[in-house]
Amino acid sequence: MTLEIGIAAKSICQPRTLVFLAYPQMGLLDLTGAQTVFWAATKAMTERGLPGYAMHTASLAGGLMQSAEGLVVDTRALHELDGTLIDTLIVPGAPDIQQAMIDCVDLVQWLRYASVQARRTASVCSGTFLMAQAGLLDGRRAATHWAMCDMLKSVFPSVEVDLDAIFIQQDNVWTSAGVSAGIDMALALVEADCGRDVALQVARELVVFLKRPGGQAQFSQLLQLQMQESAGFDELHVWISEHLDDNDLTVERLARQARMSPRNFARVYKRLTGRTPAKAIEMFRLEAARRMLEDSQRNIDQIARSCGFGDEERMRHTFQRHLSISPREYRNRFSR
């Protein structure tokens, strides 16, 4: 019994081993942004007399690996880590992820088997594609760069792609959105491992927010819709955003505003925006409520009414369904 306790104590005192997978033309910040977070966390833990992280950047064959930006990174060969207890695997993305999926077939196969042994696996930006290629995201929600969401849906239809999230945790699998969102995810991983005080110290040192939440949108719903093939509804979307407190935002009312028949409006709107009118209004209201919770001192019931939810309870259900967090928790975390 004493021996078992001694072994357990020894394992707790060991640094957590992180392996960053490298491959040709990977995104440099995808790799180094998260690495810098864990490096700063190790400094903070060392100051407390506690183990931090042992980090390895590794590729299939090892040696020099050129990033998409042209900087060359020295890597270890993955076989040198055989027998190493890997705590976390992190997969950076690449600007040309389609070519990377062709070039990295063997690396993806290694990832598929190594992820079974690792405590958790995470991706940054388009690294989500390599995770999906390895079969790690089947039936799971996942995030990636907003510009690649449609491609991720098309190539991997079994993955539930979240258009809005900065990062997502599903069991022991983490995915993050575009580029710098890897820093947000890394801070969340550090907080889970080392506690809020260490994560806050890291955020201060790196001059970043402690948390942009997993549920905080990459960009606004209005901007997203403007960038889609729905320019004909731009005026309608502005009108909706100015009338969120109206309880009569029915298909019929919106169709009149768009000067279309209700049936044709509903059909065309869904085809061009990818959402039903009711779903779009809910997302507009959710975004407006988030902004008020972040920026204003109005009480939650007032915000619920002004955004068209009617009452706090209905708004709470919407927040839980989309963000897995209550409005009060959202304000506590992200209020400025």
C-alpha atoms as a PDB file:
ATOM      1  CA  MET A   1       0.000   0.000   0.000  1.00  0.00           C
ATOM      2  CA  THR A   2       2.850   2.378   0.890  1.00  0.00           C
ATOM      3  CA  LEU A   3       4.575   1.541  -2.393  1.00  0.00           C
ATOM      4  CA  GLU A   4       1.415   2.313  -4.375  1.00  0.00           C
ATOM      5  CA  ILE A   5       1.044   5.679  -2.646  1.00  0.00           C
ATOM      6  CA  GLY A   6       4.702   6.443  -3.341  1.00  0.00           C
ATOM      7  CA  ILE A   7       4.319   5.640  -7.045  1.00  0.00           C
ATOM      8  CA  ALA A   8       1.172   7.782  -7.259  1.00  0.00           C
ATOM      9  CA  ALA A   9       2.891  10.692  -5.532  1.00  0.00           C
ATOM     10  CA  LYS A  10       5.856  10.402  -7.877  1.00  0.00           C
ATOM     11  CA  SER A  11       3.602  10.482 -10.936  1.00  0.00           C
ATOM     12  CA  ILE A  12       1.834  13.606  -9.632  1.00  0.00           C
ATOM     13  CA  CYS A  13       5.220  15.322  -9.274  1.00  0.00           C
ATOM     14  CA  GLN A  14       6.189  14.644 -12.892  1.00  0.00           C
ATOM     15  CA  PRO A  15       5.662  17.352 -15.506  1.00  0.00           C
ATOM     16  CA  ARG A  16       2.846  16.724 -17.967  1.00  0.00           C
ATOM     17  CA  THR A  17       4.185  15.733 -21.370  1.00  0.00           C
ATOM     18  CA  LEU A  18       2.806  17.711 -24.304  1.00  0.00           C
ATOM     19  CA  VAL A  19       3.476  16.688 -27.891  1.00  0.00           C
ATOM     20  CA  PHE A  20       2.910  19.230 -30.677  1.00  0.00           C
ATOM     21  CA  LEU A  21       2.646  17.526 -34.038  1.00  0.00           C
ATOM     22  CA  ALA A  22       4.572  19.229 -36.834  1.00  0.00           C
ATOM     23  CA  TYR A  23       4.303  18.759 -40.587  1.00  0.00           C
ATOM     24  CA  PRO A  24       5.247  20.697 -43.730  1.00  0.00           C
ATOM     25  CA  GLN A  25       3.538  24.073 -44.224  1.00  0.00           C
ATOM     26  CA  MET A  26       1.801  24.083 -40.843  1.00  0.00           C
ATOM     27  CA  GLY A  27       0.663  27.438 -39.494  1.00  0.00           C
ATOM     28  CA  LEU A  28       3.374  28.952 -37.302  1.00  0.00           C
ATOM     29  CA  LEU A  29       1.116  30.747 -34.809  1.00  0.00           C
ATOM     30  CA  ASP A  30      -1.107  27.665 -34.569  1.00  0.00           C
ATOM     31  CA  LEU A  31       1.948  25.939 -33.144  1.00  0.00           C
ATOM     32  CA  THR A  32       3.760  28.633 -31.200  1.00  0.00           C
ATOM     33  CA  GLY A  33       0.740  30.448 -29.730  1.00  0.00           C
ATOM     34  CA  ALA A  34      -0.297  27.439 -27.671  1.00  0.00           C
ATOM     35  CA  GLN A  35       3.337  26.545 -26.924  1.00  0.00           C
ATOM     36  CA  THR A  36       3.959  29.969 -25.425  1.00  0.00           C
ATOM     37  CA  VAL A  37       0.968  29.575 -23.110  1.00  0.00           C
ATOM     38  CA  PHE A  38       2.277  26.260 -21.761  1.00  0.00           C
ATOM     39  CA  TRP A  39       5.820  27.653 -21.500  1.00  0.00           C
ATOM     40  CA  ALA A  40       4.544  30.558 -19.395  1.00  0.00           C
ATOM     41  CA  ALA A  41       2.461  28.149 -17.301  1.00  0.00           C
ATOM     42  CA  THR A  42       5.554  26.059 -16.609  1.00  0.00           C
ATOM     43  CA  LYS A  43       7.357  29.171 -15.380  1.00  0.00           C
ATOM     44  CA  ALA A  44       4.437  29.965 -13.083  1.00  0.00           C
ATOM     45  CA  MET A  45       4.286  26.426 -11.727  1.00  0.00           C
ATOM     46  CA  THR A  46       8.061  26.324 -11.145  1.00  0.00           C
ATOM     47  CA  GLU A  47       7.777  29.478  -9.043  1.00  0.00           C
ATOM     48  CA  ARG A  48       5.315  27.543  -6.888  1.00  0.00           C
ATOM     49  CA  GLY A  49       7.624  24.544  -6.596  1.00  0.00           C
ATOM     50  CA  LEU A  50       5.311  22.443  -8.763  1.00  0.00           C
ATOM     51  CA  PRO A  51       5.849  20.587 -12.037  1.00  0.00           C
ATOM     52  CA  GLY A  52       4.673  22.227 -15.224  1.00  0.00           C
ATOM     53  CA  TYR A  53       4.912  20.853 -18.751  1.00  0.00           C
ATOM     54  CA  ALA A  54       7.558  19.004 -20.742  1.00  0.00           C
ATOM     55  CA  MET A  55       6.981  20.058 -24.352  1.00  0.00           C
ATOM     56  CA  HIS A  56       8.077  18.296 -27.508  1.00  0.00           C
ATOM     57  CA  THR A  57       7.583  19.400 -31.101  1.00  0.00           C
ATOM     58  CA  ALA A  58       7.639  16.191 -33.118  1.00  0.00           C
ATOM     59  CA  SER A  59       7.199  15.055 -36.696  1.00  0.00           C
ATOM     60  CA  LEU A  60       7.241  11.646 -38.343  1.00  0.00           C
ATOM     61  CA  ALA A  61      10.919  11.666 -39.308  1.00  0.00           C
ATOM     62  CA  GLY A  62      12.167  14.526 -37.140  1.00  0.00           C
ATOM     63  CA  GLY A  63      14.519  17.235 -38.310  1.00  0.00           C
ATOM     64  CA  LEU A  64      13.784  20.665 -39.725  1.00  0.00           C
ATOM     65  CA  MET A  65      10.191  21.449 -40.686  1.00  0.00           C
ATOM     66  CA  GLN A  66       9.269  24.584 -42.635  1.00  0.00           C
ATOM     67  CA  SER A  67       6.116  26.419 -41.618  1.00  0.00           C
ATOM     68  CA  ALA A  68       3.743  28.085 -44.069  1.00  0.00           C
ATOM     69  CA  GLU A  69       5.223  31.444 -43.079  1.00  0.00           C
ATOM     70  CA  GLY A  70       8.742  30.258 -43.977  1.00  0.00           C
ATOM     71  CA  LEU A  71      10.219  29.883 -40.501  1.00  0.00           C
ATOM     72  CA  VAL A  72      11.904  26.521 -39.950  1.00  0.00           C
ATOM     73  CA  VAL A  73      11.203  24.539 -36.773  1.00  0.00           C
ATOM     74  CA  ASP A  74      13.454  21.796 -35.406  1.00  0.00           C
ATOM     75  CA  THR A  75      11.487  18.661 -34.485  1.00  0.00           C
ATOM     76  CA  ARG A  76      12.010  15.310 -32.820  1.00  0.00           C
ATOM     77  CA  ALA A  77      11.096  12.071 -34.548  1.00  0.00           C
ATOM     78  CA  LEU A  78       7.922  10.581 -33.151  1.00  0.00           C
ATOM     79  CA  HIS A  79       9.575   7.200 -32.609  1.00  0.00           C
ATOM     80  CA  GLU A  80      11.879   8.867 -30.064  1.00  0.00           C
ATOM     81  CA  LEU A  81       8.788   9.314 -27.877  1.00  0.00           C
ATOM     82  CA  ASP A  82       7.913   5.612 -27.882  1.00  0.00           C
ATOM     83  CA  GLY A  83       7.129   4.581 -24.332  1.00  0.00           C
ATOM     84  CA  THR A  84       6.593   8.174 -23.202  1.00  0.00           C
ATOM     85  CA  LEU A  85       3.378   8.773 -21.277  1.00  0.00           C
ATOM     86  CA  ILE A  86       1.801  11.564 -23.325  1.00  0.00           C
ATOM     87  CA  ASP A  87      -0.603  13.773 -21.450  1.00  0.00           C
ATOM     88  CA  THR A  88      -1.771  15.994 -24.338  1.00  0.00           C
ATOM     89  CA  LEU A  89      -1.441  15.848 -28.108  1.00  0.00           C
ATOM     90  CA  ILE A  90      -1.861  19.152 -29.947  1.00  0.00           C
ATOM     91  CA  VAL A  91      -2.405  19.370 -33.699  1.00  0.00           C
ATOM     92  CA  PRO A  92      -1.794  22.748 -35.387  1.00  0.00           C
ATOM     93  CA  GLY A  93      -3.555  23.689 -38.596  1.00  0.00           C
ATOM     94  CA  ALA A  94      -2.280  24.767 -41.999  1.00  0.00           C
ATOM     95  CA  PRO A  95      -3.451  27.404 -44.493  1.00  0.00           C
ATOM     96  CA  ASP A  96      -3.663  24.718 -47.201  1.00  0.00           C
ATOM     97  CA  ILE A  97      -5.270  22.039 -45.078  1.00  0.00           C
ATOM     98  CA  GLN A  98      -6.483  20.059 -48.097  1.00  0.00           C
ATOM     99  CA  GLN A  99      -2.891  19.494 -49.206  1.00  0.00           C
ATOM    100  CA  ALA A 100      -1.907  18.735 -45.615  1.00  0.00           C
ATOM    101  CA  MET A 101      -4.500  15.948 -45.430  1.00  0.00           C
ATOM    102  CA  ILE A 102      -2.891  14.378 -48.505  1.00  0.00           C
ATOM    103  CA  ASP A 103       0.668  14.814 -47.230  1.00  0.00           C
ATOM    104  CA  CYS A 104      -0.014  13.723 -43.646  1.00  0.00           C
ATOM    105  CA  VAL A 105      -1.715  10.347 -44.108  1.00  0.00           C
ATOM    106  CA  ASP A 106       0.939   8.535 -42.053  1.00  0.00           C
ATOM    107  CA  LEU A 107       0.927  11.246 -39.386  1.00  0.00           C
ATOM    108  CA  VAL A 108      -2.852  11.017 -39.136  1.00  0.00           C
ATOM    109  CA  GLN A 109      -2.600   7.245 -38.705  1.00  0.00           C
ATOM    110  CA  TRP A 110      -0.105   7.779 -35.866  1.00  0.00           C
ATOM    111  CA  LEU A 111      -2.469  10.330 -34.318  1.00  0.00           C
ATOM    112  CA  ARG A 112      -5.376   7.878 -34.497  1.00  0.00           C
ATOM    113  CA  TYR A 113      -3.556   5.313 -32.363  1.00  0.00           C
ATOM    114  CA  ALA A 114      -1.629   7.693 -30.086  1.00  0.00           C
ATOM    115  CA  SER A 115      -4.786   9.574 -29.097  1.00  0.00           C
ATOM    116  CA  VAL A 116      -6.108   6.393 -27.487  1.00  0.00           C
ATOM    117  CA  GLN A 117      -3.209   6.441 -25.053  1.00  0.00           C
ATOM    118  CA  ALA A 118      -3.029  10.195 -24.447  1.00  0.00           C
ATOM    119  CA  ARG A 119      -5.180  11.797 -21.755  1.00  0.00           C
ATOM    120  CA  ARG A 120      -6.526  14.352 -24.231  1.00  0.00           C
ATOM    121  CA  THR A 121      -6.082  15.516 -27.805  1.00  0.00           C
ATOM    122  CA  ALA A 122      -6.538  19.066 -29.084  1.00  0.00           C
ATOM    123  CA  SER A 123      -6.434  20.923 -32.387  1.00  0.00           C
ATOM    124  CA  VAL A 124      -5.820  24.531 -33.361  1.00  0.00           C
ATOM    125  CA  CYS A 125      -7.618  26.129 -36.296  1.00  0.00           C
ATOM    126  CA  SER A 126      -7.708  23.806 -39.343  1.00  0.00           C
ATOM    127  CA  GLY A 127      -5.896  21.123 -37.355  1.00  0.00           C
ATOM    128  CA  THR A 128      -9.476  20.029 -36.716  1.00  0.00           C
ATOM    129  CA  PHE A 129      -9.442  18.491 -40.211  1.00  0.00           C
ATOM    130  CA  LEU A 130      -6.574  16.176 -39.287  1.00  0.00           C
ATOM    131  CA  MET A 131      -8.416  15.209 -36.095  1.00  0.00           C
ATOM    132  CA  ALA A 132     -11.514  14.447 -38.156  1.00  0.00           C
ATOM    133  CA  GLN A 133      -9.447  12.511 -40.683  1.00  0.00           C
ATOM    134  CA  ALA A 134      -8.191  10.388 -37.797  1.00  0.00           C
ATOM    135  CA  GLY A 135     -11.795   9.611 -36.830  1.00  0.00           C
ATOM    136  CA  LEU A 136     -11.572  11.439 -33.503  1.00  0.00           C
ATOM    137  CA  LEU A 137     -14.514  13.765 -34.150  1.00  0.00           C
ATOM    138  CA  ASP A 138     -17.191  11.379 -35.424  1.00  0.00           C
ATOM    139  CA  GLY A 139     -20.473  12.370 -33.784  1.00  0.00           C
ATOM    140  CA  ARG A 140     -18.828  15.208 -31.869  1.00  0.00           C
ATOM    141  CA  ARG A 141     -19.163  18.990 -31.959  1.00  0.00           C
ATOM    142  CA  ALA A 142     -16.072  20.730 -33.239  1.00  0.00           C
ATOM    143  CA  ALA A 143     -14.727  24.186 -33.999  1.00  0.00           C
ATOM    144  CA  THR A 144     -12.412  25.395 -36.724  1.00  0.00           C
ATOM    145  CA  HIS A 145     -11.613  28.627 -38.539  1.00  0.00           C
ATOM    146  CA  TRP A 146     -14.867  30.299 -39.558  1.00  0.00           C
ATOM    147  CA  ALA A 147     -13.824  30.365 -43.230  1.00  0.00           C
ATOM    148  CA  MET A 148     -13.392  26.577 -43.238  1.00  0.00           C
ATOM    149  CA  CYS A 149     -16.595  25.547 -41.462  1.00  0.00           C
ATOM    150  CA  ASP A 150     -18.496  24.761 -44.661  1.00  0.00           C
ATOM    151  CA  MET A 151     -15.608  22.695 -46.005  1.00  0.00           C
ATOM    152  CA  LEU A 152     -15.379  20.772 -42.726  1.00  0.00           C
ATOM    153  CA  LYS A 153     -19.102  19.999 -42.920  1.00  0.00           C
ATOM    154  CA  SER A 154     -18.764  18.856 -46.518  1.00  0.00           C
ATOM    155  CA  VAL A 155     -15.676  16.676 -46.104  1.00  0.00           C
ATOM    156  CA  PHE A 156     -16.662  15.207 -42.722  1.00  0.00           C
ATOM    157  CA  PRO A 157     -20.486  15.142 -42.489  1.00  0.00           C
ATOM    158  CA  SER A 158     -20.366  13.071 -39.280  1.00  0.00           C
ATOM    159  CA  VAL A 159     -18.840  16.041 -37.431  1.00  0.00           C
ATOM    160  CA  GLU A 160     -21.216  18.581 -35.880  1.00  0.00           C
ATOM    161  CA  VAL A 161     -19.531  21.836 -36.873  1.00  0.00           C
ATOM    162  CA  ASP A 162     -20.096  24.797 -34.558  1.00  0.00           C
ATOM    163  CA  LEU A 163     -19.873  28.036 -36.540  1.00  0.00           C
ATOM    164  CA  ASP A 164     -19.567  30.277 -33.499  1.00  0.00           C
ATOM    165  CA  ALA A 165     -17.390  28.714 -30.842  1.00  0.00           C
ATOM    166  CA  ILE A 166     -13.864  29.873 -30.022  1.00  0.00           C
ATOM    167  CA  PHE A 167     -13.116  26.405 -28.681  1.00  0.00           C
ATOM    168  CA  ILE A 168     -15.047  23.274 -27.757  1.00  0.00           C
ATOM    169  CA  GLN A 169     -14.390  20.452 -25.319  1.00  0.00           C
ATOM    170  CA  GLN A 170     -16.086  17.127 -25.996  1.00  0.00           C
ATOM    171  CA  ASP A 171     -14.945  14.545 -23.457  1.00  0.00           C
ATOM    172  CA  ASN A 172     -11.141  14.366 -23.856  1.00  0.00           C
ATOM    173  CA  VAL A 173     -11.150  16.007 -27.301  1.00  0.00           C
ATOM    174  CA  TRP A 174     -10.682  19.759 -27.707  1.00  0.00           C
ATOM    175  CA  THR A 175     -10.928  21.807 -30.899  1.00  0.00           C
ATOM    176  CA  SER A 176     -10.412  25.530 -31.401  1.00  0.00           C
ATOM    177  CA  ALA A 177     -11.235  28.118 -34.011  1.00  0.00           C
ATOM    178  CA  GLY A 178      -8.925  30.245 -36.136  1.00  0.00           C
ATOM    179  CA  VAL A 179      -5.259  30.759 -35.288  1.00  0.00           C
ATOM    180  CA  SER A 180      -5.176  32.892 -32.106  1.00  0.00           C
ATOM    181  CA  ALA A 181      -8.107  30.907 -30.682  1.00  0.00           C
ATOM    182  CA  GLY A 182      -5.471  28.261 -29.917  1.00  0.00           C
ATOM    183  CA  ILE A 183      -4.206  30.621 -27.226  1.00  0.00           C
ATOM    184  CA  ASP A 184      -7.668  30.774 -25.669  1.00  0.00           C
ATOM    185  CA  MET A 185      -7.936  26.991 -25.719  1.00  0.00           C
ATOM    186  CA  ALA A 186      -4.448  26.584 -24.262  1.00  0.00           C
ATOM    187  CA  LEU A 187      -5.348  28.935 -21.402  1.00  0.00           C
ATOM    188  CA  ALA A 188      -8.440  26.824 -20.716  1.00  0.00           C
ATOM    189  CA  LEU A 189      -6.291  23.666 -20.682  1.00  0.00           C
ATOM    190  CA  VAL A 190      -3.853  25.324 -18.283  1.00  0.00           C
ATOM    191  CA  GLU A 191      -6.693  26.398 -16.012  1.00  0.00           C
ATOM    192  CA  ALA A 192      -8.041  22.835 -15.998  1.00  0.00           C
ATOM    193  CA  ASP A 193      -4.579  21.482 -15.081  1.00  0.00           C
ATOM    194  CA  CYS A 194      -3.100  24.160 -12.855  1.00  0.00           C
ATOM    195  CA  GLY A 195      -5.976  26.267 -11.569  1.00  0.00           C
ATOM    196  CA  ARG A 196      -7.294  29.747 -12.232  1.00  0.00           C
ATOM    197  CA  ASP A 197      -4.476  31.610 -10.480  1.00  0.00           C
ATOM    198  CA  VAL A 198      -1.836  30.135 -12.766  1.00  0.00           C
ATOM    199  CA  ALA A 199      -3.960  30.710 -15.867  1.00  0.00           C
ATOM    200  CA  LEU A 200      -4.524  34.324 -14.811  1.00  0.00           C
ATOM    201  CA  GLN A 201      -0.798  34.829 -14.267  1.00  0.00           C
ATOM    202  CA  VAL A 202      -0.110  33.446 -17.744  1.00  0.00           C
ATOM    203  CA  ALA A 203      -2.775  35.670 -19.312  1.00  0.00           C
ATOM    204  CA  ARG A 204      -1.283  38.723 -17.634  1.00  0.00           C
ATOM    205  CA  GLU A 205       2.235  37.867 -18.767  1.00  0.00           C
ATOM    206  CA  LEU A 206       1.097  37.354 -22.361  1.00  0.00           C
ATOM    207  CA  VAL A 207      -1.219  40.409 -22.231  1.00  0.00           C
ATOM    208  CA  VAL A 208      -4.287  38.475 -23.332  1.00  0.00           C
ATOM    209  CA  PHE A 209      -7.749  37.905 -21.877  1.00  0.00           C
ATOM    210  CA  LEU A 210      -7.892  35.021 -19.433  1.00  0.00           C
ATOM    211  CA  LYS A 211     -10.915  33.723 -21.267  1.00  0.00           C
ATOM    212  CA  ARG A 212     -12.681  34.311 -24.447  1.00  0.00           C
ATOM    213  CA  PRO A 213     -15.164  31.555 -23.736  1.00  0.00           C
ATOM    214  CA  GLY A 214     -15.764  28.458 -25.759  1.00  0.00           C
ATOM    215  CA  GLY A 215     -19.197  29.920 -26.329  1.00  0.00           C
ATOM    216  CA  GLN A 216     -18.062  33.394 -27.350  1.00  0.00           C
ATOM    217  CA  ALA A 217     -18.679  33.977 -31.046  1.00  0.00           C
ATOM    218  CA  GLN A 218     -15.823  34.306 -33.531  1.00  0.00           C
ATOM    219  CA  PHE A 219     -17.655  37.237 -35.131  1.00  0.00           C
ATOM    220  CA  SER A 220     -21.115  38.712 -35.223  1.00  0.00           C
ATOM    221  CA  GLN A 221     -24.150  37.026 -36.721  1.00  0.00           C
ATOM    222  CA  LEU A 222     -24.846  40.121 -38.788  1.00  0.00           C
ATOM    223  CA  LEU A 223     -21.343  40.093 -40.263  1.00  0.00           C
ATOM    224  CA  GLN A 224     -21.558  36.370 -40.923  1.00  0.00           C
ATOM    225  CA  LEU A 225     -24.806  36.764 -42.825  1.00  0.00           C
ATOM    226  CA  GLN A 226     -23.416  39.687 -44.813  1.00  0.00           C
ATOM    227  CA  MET A 227     -20.535  37.504 -45.949  1.00  0.00           C
ATOM    228  CA  GLN A 228     -22.863  34.780 -47.233  1.00  0.00           C
ATOM    229  CA  GLU A 229     -24.914  34.774 -50.414  1.00  0.00           C
ATOM    230  CA  SER A 230     -27.693  36.645 -48.682  1.00  0.00           C
ATOM    231  CA  ALA A 231     -26.996  40.263 -49.608  1.00  0.00           C
ATOM    232  CA  GLY A 232     -30.641  40.669 -50.549  1.00  0.00           C
ATOM    233  CA  PHE A 233     -31.538  40.334 -46.878  1.00  0.00           C
ATOM    234  CA  ASP A 234     -28.993  42.837 -45.520  1.00  0.00           C
ATOM    235  CA  GLU A 235     -31.620  45.540 -44.953  1.00  0.00           C
ATOM    236  CA  LEU A 236     -33.914  42.995 -43.317  1.00  0.00           C
ATOM    237  CA  HIS A 237     -31.151  41.882 -40.952  1.00  0.00           C
ATOM    238  CA  VAL A 238     -30.457  45.456 -39.892  1.00  0.00           C
ATOM    239  CA  TRP A 239     -34.196  45.945 -39.344  1.00  0.00           C
ATOM    240  CA  ILE A 240     -34.390  42.759 -37.252  1.00  0.00           C
ATOM    241  CA  SER A 241     -31.457  43.864 -35.098  1.00  0.00           C
ATOM    242  CA  GLU A 242     -33.324  47.112 -34.393  1.00  0.00           C
ATOM    243  CA  HIS A 243     -36.623  45.376 -33.501  1.00  0.00           C
ATOM    244  CA  LEU A 244     -35.530  42.459 -31.343  1.00  0.00           C
ATOM    245  CA  ASP A 245     -37.926  43.482 -28.575  1.00  0.00           C
ATOM    246  CA  ASP A 246     -40.861  43.087 -30.967  1.00  0.00           C
ATOM    247  CA  ASN A 247     -42.923  40.011 -30.041  1.00  0.00           C
ATOM    248  CA  ASP A 248     -44.384  39.778 -33.527  1.00  0.00           C
ATOM    249  CA  LEU A 249     -41.293  38.773 -35.553  1.00  0.00           C
ATOM    250  CA  THR A 250     -43.188  36.042 -37.365  1.00  0.00           C
ATOM    251  CA  VAL A 251     -42.454  34.705 -40.831  1.00  0.00           C
ATOM    252  CA  GLU A 252     -45.424  36.706 -42.089  1.00  0.00           C
ATOM    253  CA  ARG A 253     -44.085  39.937 -40.567  1.00  0.00           C
ATOM    254  CA  LEU A 254     -40.584  39.357 -41.894  1.00  0.00           C
ATOM    255  CA  ALA A 255     -41.936  38.436 -45.327  1.00  0.00           C
ATOM    256  CA  ARG A 256     -43.843  41.726 -45.485  1.00  0.00           C
ATOM    257  CA  GLN A 257     -40.689  43.594 -44.507  1.00  0.00           C
ATOM    258  CA  ALA A 258     -38.774  41.768 -47.263  1.00  0.00           C
ATOM    259  CA  ARG A 259     -41.643  42.342 -49.725  1.00  0.00           C
ATOM    260  CA  MET A 260     -42.098  38.639 -50.379  1.00  0.00           C
ATOM    261  CA  SER A 261     -44.800  36.058 -49.853  1.00  0.00           C
ATOM    262  CA  PRO A 262     -44.399  34.128 -46.563  1.00  0.00           C
ATOM    263  CA  ARG A 263     -43.878  30.786 -48.306  1.00  0.00           C
ATOM    264  CA  ASN A 264     -41.313  32.084 -50.773  1.00  0.00           C
ATOM    265  CA  PHE A 265     -39.554  34.115 -48.093  1.00  0.00           C
ATOM    266  CA  ALA A 266     -39.131  31.130 -45.761  1.00  0.00           C
ATOM    267  CA  ARG A 267     -37.816  28.951 -48.595  1.00  0.00           C
ATOM    268  CA  VAL A 268     -35.384  31.506 -50.029  1.00  0.00           C
ATOM    269  CA  TYR A 269     -34.172  32.662 -46.615  1.00  0.00           C
ATOM    270  CA  LYS A 270     -33.275  29.130 -45.520  1.00  0.00           C
ATOM    271  CA  ARG A 271     -31.529  28.426 -48.831  1.00  0.00           C
ATOM    272  CA  LEU A 272     -29.398  31.577 -48.749  1.00  0.00           C
ATOM    273  CA  THR A 273     -28.563  31.812 -45.042  1.00  0.00           C
ATOM    274  CA  GLY A 274     -28.627  28.172 -43.986  1.00  0.00           C
ATOM    275  CA  ARG A 275     -31.025  28.992 -41.140  1.00  0.00           C
ATOM    276  CA  THR A 276     -34.759  29.296 -40.720  1.00  0.00           C
ATOM    277  CA  PRO A 277     -36.035  32.814 -39.948  1.00  0.00           C
ATOM    278  CA  ALA A 278     -36.897  31.728 -36.398  1.00  0.00           C
ATOM    279  CA  LYS A 279     -33.405  30.344 -35.831  1.00  0.00           C
ATOM    280  CA  ALA A 280     -31.813  33.507 -37.207  1.00  0.00           C
ATOM    281  CA  ILE A 281     -33.858  35.702 -34.865  1.00  0.00           C
ATOM    282  CA  GLU A 282     -32.885  33.546 -31.907  1.00  0.00           C
ATOM    283  CA  MET A 283     -29.195  33.958 -32.796  1.00  0.00           C
ATOM    284  CA  PHE A 284     -29.595  37.733 -33.212  1.00  0.00           C
ATOM    285  CA  ARG A 285     -31.239  37.903 -29.784  1.00  0.00           C
ATOM    286  CA  LEU A 286     -28.550  35.734 -28.236  1.00  0.00           C
ATOM    287  CA  GLU A 287     -25.800  37.915 -29.639  1.00  0.00           C
ATOM    288  CA  ALA A 288     -27.491  41.111 -28.469  1.00  0.00           C
ATOM    289  CA  ALA A 289     -27.922  39.683 -24.979  1.00  0.00           C
ATOM    290  CA  ARG A 290     -24.270  38.688 -24.839  1.00  0.00           C
ATOM    291  CA  ARG A 291     -23.167  42.198 -25.757  1.00  0.00           C
ATOM    292  CA  MET A 292     -25.391  43.702 -23.054  1.00  0.00           C
ATOM    293  CA  LEU A 293     -24.132  41.237 -20.461  1.00  0.00           C
ATOM    294  CA  GLU A 294     -20.558  42.114 -21.357  1.00  0.00           C
ATOM    295  CA  ASP A 295     -20.921  45.870 -21.681  1.00  0.00           C
ATOM    296  CA  SER A 296     -23.862  47.096 -19.592  1.00  0.00           C
ATOM    297  CA  GLN A 297     -24.996  47.118 -15.978  1.00  0.00           C
ATOM    298  CA  ARG A 298     -28.654  46.414 -16.792  1.00  0.00           C
ATOM    299  CA  ASN A 299     -30.167  43.558 -14.806  1.00  0.00           C
ATOM    300  CA  ILE A 300     -30.699  40.234 -16.533  1.00  0.00           C
ATOM    301  CA  ASP A 301     -34.479  40.426 -16.669  1.00  0.00           C
ATOM    302  CA  GLN A 302     -34.285  43.847 -18.352  1.00  0.00           C
ATOM    303  CA  ILE A 303     -31.840  42.454 -20.898  1.00  0.00           C
ATOM    304  CA  ALA A 304     -34.102  39.474 -21.553  1.00  0.00           C
ATOM    305  CA  ARG A 305     -37.062  41.754 -22.280  1.00  0.00           C
ATOM    306  CA  SER A 306     -35.129  44.243 -24.415  1.00  0.00           C
ATOM    307  CA  CYS A 307     -33.681  41.438 -26.548  1.00  0.00           C
ATOM    308  CA  GLY A 308     -37.085  39.853 -27.103  1.00  0.00           C
ATOM    309  CA  PHE A 309     -36.761  36.768 -24.917  1.00  0.00           C
ATOM    310  CA  GLY A 310     -39.695  37.874 -22.814  1.00  0.00           C
ATOM    311  CA  ASP A 311     -38.254  36.809 -19.476  1.00  0.00           C
ATOM    312  CA  GLU A 312     -35.042  35.670 -17.822  1.00  0.00           C
ATOM    313  CA  GLU A 313     -36.007  31.989 -17.787  1.00  0.00           C
ATOM    314  CA  ARG A 314     -36.464  31.799 -21.548  1.00  0.00           C
ATOM    315  CA  MET A 315     -33.159  33.573 -22.090  1.00  0.00           C
ATOM    316  CA  ARG A 316     -31.458  31.183 -19.658  1.00  0.00           C
ATOM    317  CA  HIS A 317     -32.689  28.155 -21.617  1.00  0.00           C
ATOM    318  CA  THR A 318     -31.372  29.684 -24.841  1.00  0.00           C
ATOM    319  CA  PHE A 319     -27.959  30.358 -23.295  1.00  0.00           C
ATOM    320  CA  GLN A 320     -27.747  26.835 -21.898  1.00  0.00           C
ATOM    321  CA  ARG A 321     -28.748  25.278 -25.212  1.00  0.00           C
ATOM    322  CA  HIS A 322     -26.231  27.226 -27.300  1.00  0.00           C
ATOM    323  CA  LEU A 323     -23.417  28.086 -24.886  1.00  0.00           C
ATOM    324  CA  SER A 324     -23.783  25.583 -22.017  1.00  0.00           C
ATOM    325  CA  ILE A 325     -23.679  28.485 -19.581  1.00  0.00           C
ATOM    326  CA  SER A 326     -26.286  30.649 -17.842  1.00  0.00           C
ATOM    327  CA  PRO A 327     -26.572  34.409 -18.463  1.00  0.00           C
ATOM    328  CA  ARG A 328     -25.389  35.108 -14.911  1.00  0.00           C
ATOM    329  CA  GLU A 329     -22.311  32.908 -15.356  1.00  0.00           C
ATOM    330  CA  TYR A 330     -21.647  34.543 -18.706  1.00  0.00           C
ATOM    331  CA  ARG A 331     -21.713  38.001 -17.130  1.00  0.00           C
ATOM    332  CA  ASN A 332     -19.468  36.890 -14.253  1.00  0.00           C
ATOM    333  CA  ARG A 333     -16.858  35.627 -16.694  1.00  0.00           C
ATOM    334  CA  PHE A 334     -16.940  38.164 -19.463  1.00  0.00           C
ATOM    335  CA  SER A 335     -18.298  41.441 -18.189  1.00  0.00           C
ATOM    336  CA  ARG A 336     -15.939  44.315 -18.914  1.00  0.00           C
END
